[in-house]
Amino acid sequence: NPILHNNLGSVLDLLVEQKESLNCYQKAIKLDNRYVEAYINLAMIHEK
């Protein structure tokens, strides 16, 4: 379920665990390559 990986990524970001957060968003996109929210979250991590 890509949504679950995205949600884990969002809370890891809040815990300042950016590397792990990146991995979660990448897993979400691998599971659903049209998952817009995960692409945006991944972009925001790279921006930080």
All heavy atoms as atom14 arrays in JSON, in Angstrom:
{
  "sequence": "NPILHNNLGSVLDLLVEQKESLNCYQKAIKLDNRYVEAYINLAMIHEK",
  "atom14_mask": [
    [1, 1, 1, 1, 1, 1, 1, 1, 0, 0, 0, 0, 0, 0],
    [1, 1, 1, 1, 1, 1, 1, 0, 0, 0, 0, 0, 0, 0],
    [1, 1, 1, 1, 1, 1, 1, 1, 0, 0, 0, 0, 0, 0],
    [1, 1, 1, 1, 1, 1, 1, 1, 0, 0, 0, 0, 0, 0],
    [1, 1, 1, 1, 1, 1, 1, 1, 1, 1, 0, 0, 0, 0],
    [1, 1, 1, 1, 1, 1, 1, 1, 0, 0, 0, 0, 0, 0],
    [1, 1, 1, 1, 1, 1, 1, 1, 0, 0, 0, 0, 0, 0],
    [1, 1, 1, 1, 1, 1, 1, 1, 0, 0, 0, 0, 0, 0],
    [1, 1, 1, 1, 0, 0, 0, 0, 0, 0, 0, 0, 0, 0],
    [1, 1, 1, 1, 1, 1, 0, 0, 0, 0, 0, 0, 0, 0],
    [1, 1, 1, 1, 1, 1, 1, 0, 0, 0, 0, 0, 0, 0],
    [1, 1, 1, 1, 1, 1, 1, 1, 0, 0, 0, 0, 0, 0],
    [1, 1, 1, 1, 1, 1, 1, 1, 0, 0, 0, 0, 0, 0],
    [1, 1, 1, 1, 1, 1, 1, 1, 0, 0, 0, 0, 0, 0],
    [1, 1, 1, 1, 1, 1, 1, 1, 0, 0, 0, 0, 0, 0],
    [1, 1, 1, 1, 1, 1, 1, 0, 0, 0, 0, 0, 0, 0],
    [1, 1, 1, 1, 1, 1, 1, 1, 1, 0, 0, 0, 0, 0],
    [1, 1, 1, 1, 1, 1, 1, 1, 1, 0, 0, 0, 0, 0],
    [1, 1, 1, 1, 1, 1, 1, 1, 1, 0, 0, 0, 0, 0],
    [1, 1, 1, 1, 1, 1, 1, 1, 1, 0, 0, 0, 0, 0],
    [1, 1, 1, 1, 1, 1, 0, 0, 0, 0, 0, 0, 0, 0],
    [1, 1, 1, 1, 1, 1, 1, 1, 0, 0, 0, 0, 0, 0],
    [1, 1, 1, 1, 1, 1, 1, 1, 0, 0, 0, 0, 0, 0],
    [1, 1, 1, 1, 1, 1, 0, 0, 0, 0, 0, 0, 0, 0],
    [1, 1, 1, 1, 1, 1, 1, 1, 1, 1, 1, 1, 0, 0],
    [1, 1, 1, 1, 1, 1, 1, 1, 1, 0, 0, 0, 0, 0],
    [1, 1, 1, 1, 1, 1, 1, 1, 1, 0, 0, 0, 0, 0],
    [1, 1, 1, 1, 1, 0, 0, 0, 0, 0, 0, 0, 0, 0],
    [1, 1, 1, 1, 1, 1, 1, 1, 0, 0, 0, 0, 0, 0],
    [1, 1, 1, 1, 1, 1, 1, 1, 1, 0, 0, 0, 0, 0],
    [1, 1, 1, 1, 1, 1, 1, 1, 0, 0, 0, 0, 0, 0],
    [1, 1, 1, 1, 1, 1, 1, 1, 0, 0, 0, 0, 0, 0],
    [1, 1, 1, 1, 1, 1, 1, 1, 0, 0, 0, 0, 0, 0],
    [1, 1, 1, 1, 1, 1, 1, 1, 1, 1, 1, 0, 0, 0],
    [1, 1, 1, 1, 1, 1, 1, 1, 1, 1, 1, 1, 0, 0],
    [1, 1, 1, 1, 1, 1, 1, 0, 0, 0, 0, 0, 0, 0],
    [1, 1, 1, 1, 1, 1, 1, 1, 1, 0, 0, 0, 0, 0],
    [1, 1, 1, 1, 1, 0, 0, 0, 0, 0, 0, 0, 0, 0],
    [1, 1, 1, 1, 1, 1, 1, 1, 1, 1, 1, 1, 0, 0],
    [1, 1, 1, 1, 1, 1, 1, 1, 0, 0, 0, 0, 0, 0],
    [1, 1, 1, 1, 1, 1, 1, 1, 0, 0, 0, 0, 0, 0],
    [1, 1, 1, 1, 1, 1, 1, 1, 0, 0, 0, 0, 0, 0],
    [1, 1, 1, 1, 1, 0, 0, 0, 0, 0, 0, 0, 0, 0],
    [1, 1, 1, 1, 1, 1, 1, 1, 0, 0, 0, 0, 0, 0],
    [1, 1, 1, 1, 1, 1, 1, 1, 0, 0, 0, 0, 0, 0],
    [1, 1, 1, 1, 1, 1, 1, 1, 1, 1, 0, 0, 0, 0],
    [1, 1, 1, 1, 1, 1, 1, 1, 1, 0, 0, 0, 0, 0],
    [1, 1, 1, 1, 1, 1, 1, 1, 1, 0, 0, 0, 0, 0]
  ],
  "atom14_positions": [
    [[0.85, -1.2, 0.0], [0.0, 0.0, 0.0], [0.88, 1.25, 0.0], [1.54, 1.55, 1.0], [-0.9, 0.0, 1.24], [-1.91, 1.13, 1.23], [-1.68, 2.18, 0.64], [-3.03, 0.93, 1.91], [0.0, 0.0, 0.0], [0.0, 0.0, 0.0], [0.0, 0.0, 0.0], [0.0, 0.0, 0.0], [0.0, 0.0, 0.0], [0.0, 0.0, 0.0]],
    [[0.92, 2.01, -1.09], [1.81, 3.18, -1.17], [1.45, 4.28, -0.18], [2.33, 5.02, 0.28], [1.65, 3.66, -2.61], [0.32, 3.14, -3.05], [0.15, 1.83, -2.34], [0.0, 0.0, 0.0], [0.0, 0.0, 0.0], [0.0, 0.0, 0.0], [0.0, 0.0, 0.0], [0.0, 0.0, 0.0], [0.0, 0.0, 0.0], [0.0, 0.0, 0.0]],
    [[0.18, 4.4, 0.18], [-0.25, 5.45, 1.11], [0.41, 5.26, 2.47], [0.83, 6.23, 3.12], [-1.78, 5.46, 1.24], [-2.42, 5.87, -0.08], [-2.23, 6.38, 2.37], [-3.93, 5.71, -0.11], [0.0, 0.0, 0.0], [0.0, 0.0, 0.0], [0.0, 0.0, 0.0], [0.0, 0.0, 0.0], [0.0, 0.0, 0.0], [0.0, 0.0, 0.0]],
    [[0.56, 4.02, 2.9], [1.17, 3.74, 4.2], [2.64, 4.16, 4.21], [3.12, 4.74, 5.2], [1.04, 2.26, 4.54], [-0.4, 1.7, 4.56], [-0.39, 0.23, 4.92], [-1.27, 2.49, 5.53], [0.0, 0.0, 0.0], [0.0, 0.0, 0.0], [0.0, 0.0, 0.0], [0.0, 0.0, 0.0], [0.0, 0.0, 0.0], [0.0, 0.0, 0.0]],
    [[3.35, 3.89, 3.13], [4.76, 4.3, 3.03], [4.87, 5.83, 3.01], [5.77, 6.4, 3.64], [5.4, 3.7, 1.78], [5.55, 2.22, 1.85], [6.58, 1.6, 2.52], [4.78, 1.22, 1.33], [6.45, 0.28, 2.42], [5.38, 0.03, 1.7], [0.0, 0.0, 0.0], [0.0, 0.0, 0.0], [0.0, 0.0, 0.0], [0.0, 0.0, 0.0]],
    [[3.96, 6.48, 2.31], [3.95, 7.94, 2.28], [3.7, 8.52, 3.67], [4.36, 9.48, 4.09], [2.89, 8.43, 1.3], [2.87, 9.94, 1.16], [3.78, 10.55, 0.62], [1.82, 10.55, 1.67], [0.0, 0.0, 0.0], [0.0, 0.0, 0.0], [0.0, 0.0, 0.0], [0.0, 0.0, 0.0], [0.0, 0.0, 0.0], [0.0, 0.0, 0.0]],
    [[2.75, 7.94, 4.39], [2.44, 8.43, 5.73], [3.61, 8.23, 6.69], [3.9, 9.11, 7.52], [1.19, 7.75, 6.27], [-0.08, 8.22, 5.57], [-0.07, 9.24, 4.88], [-1.17, 7.5, 5.74], [0.0, 0.0, 0.0], [0.0, 0.0, 0.0], [0.0, 0.0, 0.0], [0.0, 0.0, 0.0], [0.0, 0.0, 0.0], [0.0, 0.0, 0.0]],
    [[4.28, 7.09, 6.59], [5.47, 6.88, 7.41], [6.53, 7.9, 7.06], [7.17, 8.48, 7.95], [6.0, 5.45, 7.22], [7.29, 5.11, 7.98], [7.13, 5.33, 9.48], [7.73, 3.68, 7.68], [0.0, 0.0, 0.0], [0.0, 0.0, 0.0], [0.0, 0.0, 0.0], [0.0, 0.0, 0.0], [0.0, 0.0, 0.0], [0.0, 0.0, 0.0]],
    [[6.71, 8.16, 5.77], [7.69, 9.17, 5.35], [7.39, 10.53, 5.93], [8.3, 11.25, 6.36], [0.0, 0.0, 0.0], [0.0, 0.0, 0.0], [0.0, 0.0, 0.0], [0.0, 0.0, 0.0], [0.0, 0.0, 0.0], [0.0, 0.0, 0.0], [0.0, 0.0, 0.0], [0.0, 0.0, 0.0], [0.0, 0.0, 0.0], [0.0, 0.0, 0.0]],
    [[6.11, 10.89, 6.01], [5.75, 12.23, 6.51], [6.08, 12.38, 7.99], [6.53, 13.45, 8.42], [4.26, 12.5, 6.27], [3.45, 11.7, 7.11], [0.0, 0.0, 0.0], [0.0, 0.0, 0.0], [0.0, 0.0, 0.0], [0.0, 0.0, 0.0], [0.0, 0.0, 0.0], [0.0, 0.0, 0.0], [0.0, 0.0, 0.0], [0.0, 0.0, 0.0]],
    [[5.89, 11.32, 8.77], [6.19, 11.43, 10.2], [7.7, 11.33, 10.45], [8.24, 11.96, 11.36], [5.38, 10.41, 11.03], [6.02, 9.03, 11.04], [5.19, 10.91, 12.45], [0.0, 0.0, 0.0], [0.0, 0.0, 0.0], [0.0, 0.0, 0.0], [0.0, 0.0, 0.0], [0.0, 0.0, 0.0], [0.0, 0.0, 0.0], [0.0, 0.0, 0.0]],
    [[8.4, 10.57, 9.62], [9.86, 10.53, 9.73], [10.47, 11.89, 9.42], [11.45, 12.31, 10.05], [10.43, 9.46, 8.79], [10.17, 8.01, 9.2], [10.55, 7.07, 8.07], [10.93, 7.64, 10.46], [0.0, 0.0, 0.0], [0.0, 0.0, 0.0], [0.0, 0.0, 0.0], [0.0, 0.0, 0.0], [0.0, 0.0, 0.0], [0.0, 0.0, 0.0]],
    [[9.89, 12.59, 8.48], [10.33, 13.96, 8.18], [10.17, 14.85, 9.41], [11.07, 15.62, 9.75], [9.52, 14.5, 6.99], [9.94, 15.89, 6.58], [11.08, 16.3, 6.87], [9.12, 16.59, 5.96], [0.0, 0.0, 0.0], [0.0, 0.0, 0.0], [0.0, 0.0, 0.0], [0.0, 0.0, 0.0], [0.0, 0.0, 0.0], [0.0, 0.0, 0.0]],
    [[9.04, 14.73, 10.08], [8.81, 15.53, 11.29], [9.78, 15.16, 12.41], [10.09, 15.98, 13.27], [7.36, 15.33, 11.77], [6.28, 15.94, 10.86], [4.91, 15.44, 11.25], [6.34, 17.46, 10.9], [0.0, 0.0, 0.0], [0.0, 0.0, 0.0], [0.0, 0.0, 0.0], [0.0, 0.0, 0.0], [0.0, 0.0, 0.0], [0.0, 0.0, 0.0]],
    [[10.25, 13.92, 12.39], [11.24, 13.47, 13.37], [12.67, 13.77, 12.92], [13.63, 13.35, 13.57], [11.07, 11.96, 13.62], [9.82, 11.56, 14.42], [9.56, 10.07, 14.28], [9.98, 11.95, 15.87], [0.0, 0.0, 0.0], [0.0, 0.0, 0.0], [0.0, 0.0, 0.0], [0.0, 0.0, 0.0], [0.0, 0.0, 0.0], [0.0, 0.0, 0.0]],
    [[12.8, 14.5, 11.82], [14.09, 14.89, 11.23], [14.92, 13.64, 10.9], [16.13, 13.59, 11.13], [14.87, 15.87, 12.14], [15.93, 16.6, 11.33], [13.94, 16.88, 12.8], [0.0, 0.0, 0.0], [0.0, 0.0, 0.0], [0.0, 0.0, 0.0], [0.0, 0.0, 0.0], [0.0, 0.0, 0.0], [0.0, 0.0, 0.0], [0.0, 0.0, 0.0]],
    [[14.25, 12.65, 10.35], [14.91, 11.44, 9.86], [14.77, 11.45, 8.34], [14.06, 10.64, 7.75], [14.3, 10.2, 10.49], [14.45, 10.15, 12.01], [13.79, 8.93, 12.65], [13.74, 7.87, 12.0], [13.32, 9.05, 13.8], [0.0, 0.0, 0.0], [0.0, 0.0, 0.0], [0.0, 0.0, 0.0], [0.0, 0.0, 0.0], [0.0, 0.0, 0.0]],
    [[15.46, 12.43, 7.71], [15.23, 12.69, 6.29], [15.64, 11.53, 5.37], [14.94, 11.24, 4.4], [15.95, 13.97, 5.86], [15.08, 15.21, 5.89], [15.01, 15.85, 7.25], [15.97, 15.79, 7.99], [13.9, 16.46, 7.58], [0.0, 0.0, 0.0], [0.0, 0.0, 0.0], [0.0, 0.0, 0.0], [0.0, 0.0, 0.0], [0.0, 0.0, 0.0]],
    [[16.72, 10.86, 5.68], [17.16, 9.76, 4.82], [16.11, 8.65, 4.8], [15.76, 8.13, 3.73], [18.5, 9.2, 5.32], [19.05, 8.11, 4.43], [20.42, 7.62, 4.92], [20.95, 6.51, 4.03], [22.26, 6.0, 4.52], [0.0, 0.0, 0.0], [0.0, 0.0, 0.0], [0.0, 0.0, 0.0], [0.0, 0.0, 0.0], [0.0, 0.0, 0.0]],
    [[15.6, 8.3, 5.98], [14.57, 7.27, 6.06], [13.28, 7.75, 5.4], [12.57, 6.98, 4.75], [14.32, 6.89, 7.51], [15.48, 6.18, 8.19], [16.56, 7.13, 8.7], [16.41, 8.38, 8.52], [17.56, 6.65, 9.24], [0.0, 0.0, 0.0], [0.0, 0.0, 0.0], [0.0, 0.0, 0.0], [0.0, 0.0, 0.0], [0.0, 0.0, 0.0]],
    [[12.98, 9.04, 5.55], [11.8, 9.61, 4.92], [11.89, 9.52, 3.4], [10.93, 9.13, 2.73], [11.65, 11.07, 5.36], [10.5, 11.65, 4.8], [0.0, 0.0, 0.0], [0.0, 0.0, 0.0], [0.0, 0.0, 0.0], [0.0, 0.0, 0.0], [0.0, 0.0, 0.0], [0.0, 0.0, 0.0], [0.0, 0.0, 0.0], [0.0, 0.0, 0.0]],
    [[13.04, 9.87, 2.86], [13.26, 9.74, 1.42], [12.99, 8.32, 0.94], [12.33, 8.1, -0.08], [14.71, 10.11, 1.07], [15.05, 11.57, 0.81], [16.55, 11.75, 0.68], [14.34, 12.08, -0.43], [0.0, 0.0, 0.0], [0.0, 0.0, 0.0], [0.0, 0.0, 0.0], [0.0, 0.0, 0.0], [0.0, 0.0, 0.0], [0.0, 0.0, 0.0]],
    [[13.5, 7.35, 1.68], [13.31, 5.95, 1.29], [11.83, 5.58, 1.25], [11.39, 4.84, 0.36], [14.06, 5.03, 2.26], [15.56, 5.12, 2.11], [16.07, 5.52, 1.07], [16.28, 4.77, 3.16], [0.0, 0.0, 0.0], [0.0, 0.0, 0.0], [0.0, 0.0, 0.0], [0.0, 0.0, 0.0], [0.0, 0.0, 0.0], [0.0, 0.0, 0.0]],
    [[11.07, 6.09, 2.21], [9.64, 5.79, 2.24], [8.91, 6.36, 1.03], [8.08, 5.69, 0.42], [9.02, 6.33, 3.53], [9.5, 5.44, 5.02], [0.0, 0.0, 0.0], [0.0, 0.0, 0.0], [0.0, 0.0, 0.0], [0.0, 0.0, 0.0], [0.0, 0.0, 0.0], [0.0, 0.0, 0.0], [0.0, 0.0, 0.0], [0.0, 0.0, 0.0]],
    [[9.22, 7.61, 0.71], [8.56, 8.23, -0.45], [8.95, 7.51, -1.75], [8.12, 7.33, -2.64], [8.93, 9.71, -0.54], [8.41, 10.54, 0.6], [9.19, 11.55, 1.16], [7.14, 10.34, 1.13], [8.72, 12.33, 2.21], [6.67, 11.11, 2.18], [7.46, 12.1, 2.71], [6.99, 12.87, 3.75], [0.0, 0.0, 0.0], [0.0, 0.0, 0.0]],
    [[10.2, 7.08, -1.83], [10.63, 6.35, -3.02], [9.91, 5.01, -3.14], [9.54, 4.58, -4.23], [12.15, 6.18, -2.99], [12.9, 7.47, -3.28], [14.37, 7.42, -2.94], [14.83, 6.56, -2.18], [15.14, 8.37, -3.46], [0.0, 0.0, 0.0], [0.0, 0.0, 0.0], [0.0, 0.0, 0.0], [0.0, 0.0, 0.0], [0.0, 0.0, 0.0]],
    [[9.69, 4.35, -1.99], [8.93, 3.1, -2.01], [7.49, 3.35, -2.45], [6.92, 2.57, -3.22], [8.95, 2.46, -0.62], [10.26, 1.8, -0.25], [10.2, 1.23, 1.17], [11.55, 0.69, 1.59], [11.55, 0.24, 3.0], [0.0, 0.0, 0.0], [0.0, 0.0, 0.0], [0.0, 0.0, 0.0], [0.0, 0.0, 0.0], [0.0, 0.0, 0.0]],
    [[6.91, 4.44, -1.96], [5.53, 4.77, -2.34], [5.42, 4.97, -3.85], [4.49, 4.48, -4.49], [5.08, 6.03, -1.6], [0.0, 0.0, 0.0], [0.0, 0.0, 0.0], [0.0, 0.0, 0.0], [0.0, 0.0, 0.0], [0.0, 0.0, 0.0], [0.0, 0.0, 0.0], [0.0, 0.0, 0.0], [0.0, 0.0, 0.0], [0.0, 0.0, 0.0]],
    [[6.39, 5.66, -4.43], [6.38, 5.93, -5.87], [6.64, 4.65, -6.67], [6.06, 4.43, -7.74], [7.42, 7.02, -6.22], [6.92, 8.37, -5.7], [7.69, 7.08, -7.71], [7.97, 9.44, -5.68], [0.0, 0.0, 0.0], [0.0, 0.0, 0.0], [0.0, 0.0, 0.0], [0.0, 0.0, 0.0], [0.0, 0.0, 0.0], [0.0, 0.0, 0.0]],
    [[7.49, 3.79, -6.13], [7.74, 2.51, -6.8], [6.46, 1.67, -6.87], [6.2, 0.99, -7.85], [8.83, 1.74, -6.06], [9.29, 0.49, -6.77], [10.48, -0.15, -6.05], [10.94, -1.41, -6.78], [12.1, -2.04, -6.08], [0.0, 0.0, 0.0], [0.0, 0.0, 0.0], [0.0, 0.0, 0.0], [0.0, 0.0, 0.0], [0.0, 0.0, 0.0]],
    [[5.66, 1.77, -5.8], [4.4, 1.03, -5.77], [3.32, 1.68, -6.62], [2.42, 1.01, -7.13], [3.91, 0.9, -4.32], [4.75, -0.03, -3.43], [4.44, 0.22, -1.95], [4.49, -1.49, -3.79], [0.0, 0.0, 0.0], [0.0, 0.0, 0.0], [0.0, 0.0, 0.0], [0.0, 0.0, 0.0], [0.0, 0.0, 0.0], [0.0, 0.0, 0.0]],
    [[3.39, 3.0, -6.76], [2.41, 3.74, -7.56], [3.11, 4.94, -8.2], [3.3, 5.98, -7.56], [1.24, 4.21, -6.69], [0.2, 5.01, -7.48], [0.37, 5.17, -8.7], [-0.79, 5.46, -6.87], [0.0, 0.0, 0.0], [0.0, 0.0, 0.0], [0.0, 0.0, 0.0], [0.0, 0.0, 0.0], [0.0, 0.0, 0.0], [0.0, 0.0, 0.0]],
    [[3.49, 4.78, -9.46], [4.28, 5.83, -10.11], [3.45, 7.03, -10.55], [3.96, 7.93, -11.21], [5.08, 5.26, -11.29], [4.21, 4.74, -12.41], [2.98, 4.89, -12.39], [4.82, 4.1, -13.39], [0.0, 0.0, 0.0], [0.0, 0.0, 0.0], [0.0, 0.0, 0.0], [0.0, 0.0, 0.0], [0.0, 0.0, 0.0], [0.0, 0.0, 0.0]],
    [[2.18, 7.06, -10.15], [1.33, 8.23, -10.41], [0.85, 8.87, -9.11], [-0.13, 9.63, -9.1], [0.13, 7.83, -11.27], [0.53, 7.25, -12.63], [-0.68, 7.03, -13.53], [-1.37, 8.27, -13.85], [-0.98, 9.12, -14.8], [0.09, 8.87, -15.53], [-1.67, 10.23, -15.03], [0.0, 0.0, 0.0], [0.0, 0.0, 0.0], [0.0, 0.0, 0.0]],
    [[1.57, 8.62, -8.04], [1.18, 9.09, -6.72], [1.71, 10.51, -6.51], [2.83, 10.72, -6.06], [1.72, 8.12, -5.67], [1.2, 8.3, -4.26], [0.28, 9.29, -3.92], [1.63, 7.45, -3.26], [-0.18, 9.43, -2.64], [1.17, 7.58, -1.95], [0.26, 8.56, -1.65], [-0.19, 8.7, -0.37], [0.0, 0.0, 0.0], [0.0, 0.0, 0.0]],
    [[0.88, 11.5, -6.83], [1.29, 12.9, -6.86], [1.81, 13.36, -5.5], [2.85, 14.03, -5.41], [0.13, 13.8, -7.34], [0.48, 15.27, -7.16], [-0.2, 13.5, -8.79], [0.0, 0.0, 0.0], [0.0, 0.0, 0.0], [0.0, 0.0, 0.0], [0.0, 0.0, 0.0], [0.0, 0.0, 0.0], [0.0, 0.0, 0.0], [0.0, 0.0, 0.0]],
    [[1.1, 13.04, -4.43], [1.49, 13.52, -3.1], [2.88, 13.02, -2.72], [3.67, 13.75, -2.11], [0.47, 13.07, -2.06], [0.75, 13.64, -0.68], [-0.29, 13.24, 0.35], [-1.36, 12.75, -0.03], [-0.02, 13.42, 1.55], [0.0, 0.0, 0.0], [0.0, 0.0, 0.0], [0.0, 0.0, 0.0], [0.0, 0.0, 0.0], [0.0, 0.0, 0.0]],
    [[3.2, 11.78, -3.08], [4.52, 11.24, -2.75], [5.62, 11.97, -3.52], [6.7, 12.23, -2.97], [4.57, 9.74, -3.04], [0.0, 0.0, 0.0], [0.0, 0.0, 0.0], [0.0, 0.0, 0.0], [0.0, 0.0, 0.0], [0.0, 0.0, 0.0], [0.0, 0.0, 0.0], [0.0, 0.0, 0.0], [0.0, 0.0, 0.0], [0.0, 0.0, 0.0]],
    [[5.36, 12.32, -4.79], [6.34, 13.1, -5.55], [6.57, 14.47, -4.9], [7.71, 14.93, -4.8], [5.87, 13.29, -7.0], [6.08, 12.1, -7.89], [4.99, 11.38, -8.37], [7.35, 11.69, -8.26], [5.17, 10.27, -9.2], [7.54, 10.58, -9.09], [6.44, 9.87, -9.55], [6.63, 8.78, -10.36], [0.0, 0.0, 0.0], [0.0, 0.0, 0.0]],
    [[5.5, 15.11, -4.46], [5.64, 16.42, -3.82], [6.41, 16.3, -2.51], [7.3, 17.11, -2.22], [4.26, 17.06, -3.61], [3.66, 17.46, -4.96], [4.35, 18.29, -2.69], [2.23, 17.94, -4.9], [0.0, 0.0, 0.0], [0.0, 0.0, 0.0], [0.0, 0.0, 0.0], [0.0, 0.0, 0.0], [0.0, 0.0, 0.0], [0.0, 0.0, 0.0]],
    [[6.08, 15.28, -1.73], [6.8, 15.09, -0.46], [8.28, 14.81, -0.7], [9.14, 15.29, 0.04], [6.16, 13.95, 0.33], [4.83, 14.35, 0.93], [4.55, 15.54, 1.12], [3.98, 13.38, 1.23], [0.0, 0.0, 0.0], [0.0, 0.0, 0.0], [0.0, 0.0, 0.0], [0.0, 0.0, 0.0], [0.0, 0.0, 0.0], [0.0, 0.0, 0.0]],
    [[8.56, 14.04, -1.74], [9.95, 13.75, -2.08], [10.67, 15.03, -2.5], [11.82, 15.28, -2.1], [9.99, 12.71, -3.2], [11.31, 12.02, -3.53], [11.96, 11.43, -2.28], [11.08, 10.93, -4.57], [0.0, 0.0, 0.0], [0.0, 0.0, 0.0], [0.0, 0.0, 0.0], [0.0, 0.0, 0.0], [0.0, 0.0, 0.0], [0.0, 0.0, 0.0]],
    [[10.0, 15.85, -3.28], [10.57, 17.14, -3.69], [10.86, 18.02, -2.48], [11.92, 18.66, -2.39], [9.6, 17.86, -4.64], [0.0, 0.0, 0.0], [0.0, 0.0, 0.0], [0.0, 0.0, 0.0], [0.0, 0.0, 0.0], [0.0, 0.0, 0.0], [0.0, 0.0, 0.0], [0.0, 0.0, 0.0], [0.0, 0.0, 0.0], [0.0, 0.0, 0.0]],
    [[9.94, 18.04, -1.53], [10.11, 18.89, -0.35], [11.29, 18.43, 0.52], [12.0, 19.26, 1.09], [8.81, 18.91, 0.47], [7.69, 19.66, -0.23], [6.09, 19.53, 0.61], [6.41, 20.52, 2.06], [0.0, 0.0, 0.0], [0.0, 0.0, 0.0], [0.0, 0.0, 0.0], [0.0, 0.0, 0.0], [0.0, 0.0, 0.0], [0.0, 0.0, 0.0]],
    [[11.5, 17.12, 0.61], [12.66, 16.62, 1.35], [13.95, 17.06, 0.68], [14.89, 17.54, 1.32], [12.61, 15.08, 1.46], [11.5, 14.65, 2.41], [13.95, 14.53, 1.95], [11.79, 14.89, 3.87], [0.0, 0.0, 0.0], [0.0, 0.0, 0.0], [0.0, 0.0, 0.0], [0.0, 0.0, 0.0], [0.0, 0.0, 0.0], [0.0, 0.0, 0.0]],
    [[14.01, 16.9, -0.65], [15.21, 17.33, -1.38], [15.42, 18.83, -1.24], [16.56, 19.3, -1.13], [15.11, 16.93, -2.86], [15.45, 15.51, -3.12], [16.71, 14.99, -2.92], [14.69, 14.47, -3.57], [16.73, 13.72, -3.24], [15.52, 13.37, -3.64], [0.0, 0.0, 0.0], [0.0, 0.0, 0.0], [0.0, 0.0, 0.0], [0.0, 0.0, 0.0]],
    [[14.33, 19.58, -1.21], [14.44, 21.03, -1.0], [15.06, 21.34, 0.36], [15.96, 22.19, 0.47], [13.05, 21.65, -1.11], [13.04, 23.16, -1.02], [11.65, 23.73, -1.17], [10.73, 23.01, -1.62], [11.46, 24.92, -0.82], [0.0, 0.0, 0.0], [0.0, 0.0, 0.0], [0.0, 0.0, 0.0], [0.0, 0.0, 0.0], [0.0, 0.0, 0.0]],
    [[14.61, 20.64, 1.4], [15.18, 20.84, 2.74], [16.67, 20.5, 2.77], [17.44, 21.13, 3.5], [14.44, 19.98, 3.76], [13.04, 20.46, 4.08], [12.36, 19.53, 5.07], [10.94, 19.98, 5.35], [10.24, 19.05, 6.27], [0.0, 0.0, 0.0], [0.0, 0.0, 0.0], [0.0, 0.0, 0.0], [0.0, 0.0, 0.0], [0.0, 0.0, 0.0]]
  ]
}
